[in-house]
Amino acid sequence: MEKMRRQNLKSQDWFKSFDHTADLGACLNADSLEGLVRQGALVLLFFTINPATVEANQEKSFEIEFDSPEQLLVRTLSKLVFLFDCEGFLTRNMELEISGNKALVKIFGEIYDKNKHQTRHLIKAITWGGLEVKIENGKYLATVIFDD
């Protein structure tokens, strides 16, 4: 059953997922660093819950300090994992404003409801192992491993 669920995840055309030992991986691409982080947030949601069932009716904000694109990606996605684990908050949409080594992040979503949302995977962490962020031909590309 687990293998079938993972095969269904691979049918998405906006990111490429792959199995990584006991984890889930995704290859992301975007036109900007902000877009790359937003796409990572959507992949996190997709791995966790069916995004179509999540409404953007609540807002939260936080700030991330970072020294590299990799650090911004991991710290932002890790914060989203923390918010889901501690508050049940599912992020449907995100806005980022980067200034220097700080990013103001606004997220929009709702609180998990077991009667509305069917859990696919419980992501425990975003790992540094296997993480890669690079720019090729003006595109931001990333490989991210989600520990489930």
Protein backbone atom coordinates (compact mmCIF):
# COMPACT_ATOMS: atom_id res chain seq x y z
CA MET A 1 0.00 0.00 0.00
CA GLU A 2 2.83 2.42 0.85
CA LYS A 3 4.43 1.80 -2.56
CA MET A 4 1.13 2.50 -4.34
CA ARG A 5 0.71 5.80 -2.51
CA ARG A 6 4.21 6.87 -3.49
CA GLN A 7 3.57 5.99 -7.14
CA ASN A 8 0.48 8.22 -7.10
CA LEU A 9 2.61 11.07 -5.75
CA LYS A 10 4.86 10.79 -8.80
CA SER A 11 2.02 11.71 -11.18
CA GLN A 12 2.43 15.42 -10.44
CA ASP A 13 3.83 17.53 -13.28
CA TRP A 14 4.92 20.57 -11.23
CA PHE A 15 7.62 18.73 -9.30
CA LYS A 16 9.37 15.39 -9.49
CA SER A 17 9.24 13.16 -6.43
CA PHE A 18 11.50 10.22 -5.70
CA ASP A 19 11.94 7.63 -2.97
CA HIS A 20 14.98 8.06 -0.74
CA THR A 21 15.53 5.13 1.65
CA ALA A 22 12.74 5.66 4.23
CA ASP A 23 12.20 9.27 3.16
CA LEU A 24 10.62 11.25 0.35
CA GLY A 25 12.53 13.47 -2.03
CA ALA A 26 11.56 16.20 -4.46
CA CYS A 27 13.29 18.02 -7.29
CA LEU A 28 12.07 21.62 -7.47
CA ASN A 29 12.54 24.35 -10.05
CA ALA A 30 11.43 27.98 -10.07
CA ASP A 31 12.26 31.35 -11.60
CA SER A 32 13.35 32.85 -8.26
CA LEU A 33 14.55 31.88 -4.80
CA GLU A 34 11.19 33.01 -3.41
CA GLY A 35 9.43 30.78 -5.92
CA LEU A 36 11.64 27.86 -4.98
CA VAL A 37 10.74 28.19 -1.28
CA ARG A 38 7.03 28.55 -2.14
CA GLN A 39 7.22 25.43 -4.29
CA GLY A 40 8.94 23.55 -1.47
CA ALA A 41 6.08 24.53 0.84
CA LEU A 42 3.53 23.20 -1.66
CA VAL A 43 5.43 19.92 -2.00
CA LEU A 44 5.48 19.61 1.79
CA LEU A 45 1.71 20.13 1.82
CA PHE A 46 1.25 17.67 -1.06
CA PHE A 47 3.25 14.98 0.73
CA THR A 48 1.23 15.60 3.92
CA ILE A 49 -2.36 16.23 2.77
CA ASN A 50 -4.30 16.63 -0.47
CA PRO A 51 -3.79 20.39 -1.12
CA ALA A 52 -7.25 20.69 -2.68
CA THR A 53 -8.80 20.09 0.76
CA VAL A 54 -6.91 22.95 2.45
CA GLU A 55 -8.32 26.47 2.52
CA ALA A 56 -6.27 29.63 2.99
CA ASN A 57 -8.54 31.22 5.60
CA GLN A 58 -5.96 31.94 8.34
CA GLU A 59 -2.70 33.88 8.23
CA LYS A 60 0.56 33.62 10.16
CA SER A 61 3.85 35.49 9.78
CA PHE A 62 7.42 34.80 10.83
CA GLU A 63 10.93 35.87 9.98
CA ILE A 64 13.80 33.65 8.84
CA GLU A 65 17.46 34.62 8.99
CA PHE A 66 19.73 32.80 6.57
CA ASP A 67 23.24 32.78 5.14
CA SER A 68 22.56 30.71 2.00
CA PRO A 69 19.67 29.67 -0.25
CA GLU A 70 19.91 26.18 1.27
CA GLN A 71 19.53 27.58 4.76
CA LEU A 72 16.50 29.65 3.74
CA LEU A 73 14.83 26.61 2.20
CA VAL A 74 15.51 24.26 5.13
CA ARG A 75 14.67 26.79 7.85
CA THR A 76 11.40 27.86 6.18
CA LEU A 77 10.21 24.32 5.49
CA SER A 78 11.29 23.24 8.98
CA LYS A 79 9.17 26.04 10.45
CA LEU A 80 6.17 24.75 8.47
CA VAL A 81 6.78 21.23 9.81
CA PHE A 82 6.97 22.69 13.34
CA LEU A 83 3.70 24.63 12.87
CA PHE A 84 1.93 21.50 11.66
CA ASP A 85 3.35 19.34 14.49
CA CYS A 86 2.61 21.86 17.27
CA GLU A 87 -0.48 23.70 16.04
CA GLY A 88 -1.88 21.53 13.26
CA PHE A 89 -1.42 24.43 10.83
CA LEU A 90 -1.47 23.44 7.15
CA THR A 91 0.13 25.99 4.81
CA ARG A 92 -1.76 26.39 1.52
CA ASN A 93 -0.13 29.59 0.19
CA MET A 94 2.95 31.60 1.04
CA GLU A 95 4.38 35.04 0.38
CA LEU A 96 8.08 35.80 0.90
CA GLU A 97 9.85 39.11 1.02
CA ILE A 98 13.64 38.76 1.07
CA SER A 99 15.82 41.63 2.22
CA GLY A 100 19.52 40.91 2.71
CA ASN A 101 19.84 37.84 4.89
CA LYS A 102 16.28 37.98 6.24
CA ALA A 103 13.00 36.79 4.82
CA LEU A 104 9.57 37.85 6.02
CA VAL A 105 7.29 34.90 5.46
CA LYS A 106 3.49 35.13 5.41
CA ILE A 107 1.62 31.86 5.26
CA PHE A 108 -2.03 31.21 4.60
CA GLY A 109 -3.86 28.01 5.46
CA GLU A 110 -5.98 26.36 8.09
CA ILE A 111 -5.87 24.05 11.09
CA TYR A 112 -5.87 20.30 10.44
CA ASP A 113 -9.31 18.70 10.77
CA LYS A 114 -9.35 14.90 10.90
CA ASN A 115 -12.86 14.90 9.39
CA LYS A 116 -11.73 16.98 6.40
CA HIS A 117 -8.07 16.14 5.80
CA GLN A 118 -6.69 12.69 5.08
CA THR A 119 -3.02 12.41 6.05
CA ARG A 120 -0.67 10.94 3.43
CA HIS A 121 2.67 11.14 5.25
CA LEU A 122 3.78 12.68 8.53
CA ILE A 123 6.91 14.64 7.67
CA LYS A 124 9.23 14.80 10.69
CA ALA A 125 11.98 16.99 9.30
CA ILE A 126 13.67 18.53 6.29
CA THR A 127 17.11 16.96 6.02
CA TRP A 128 20.43 18.55 5.10
CA GLY A 129 21.64 15.27 3.62
CA GLY A 130 21.10 15.28 -0.13
CA LEU A 131 20.06 18.93 -0.13
CA GLU A 132 21.17 20.91 -3.16
CA VAL A 133 20.24 24.35 -4.45
CA LYS A 134 21.73 25.72 -7.66
CA ILE A 135 21.04 28.14 -10.48
CA GLU A 136 21.13 26.88 -14.07
CA ASN A 137 20.11 28.91 -17.10
CA GLY A 138 18.38 31.46 -14.87
CA LYS A 139 16.33 28.79 -13.04
CA TYR A 140 16.61 27.94 -9.36
CA LEU A 141 16.83 24.17 -8.91
CA ALA A 142 16.73 22.22 -5.67
CA THR A 143 16.77 18.67 -4.41
CA VAL A 144 15.11 18.31 -1.02
CA ILE A 145 14.71 15.26 1.22
CA PHE A 146 11.67 15.08 3.52
CA ASP A 147 12.08 12.72 6.50
CA ASP A 148 8.84 10.79 7.00
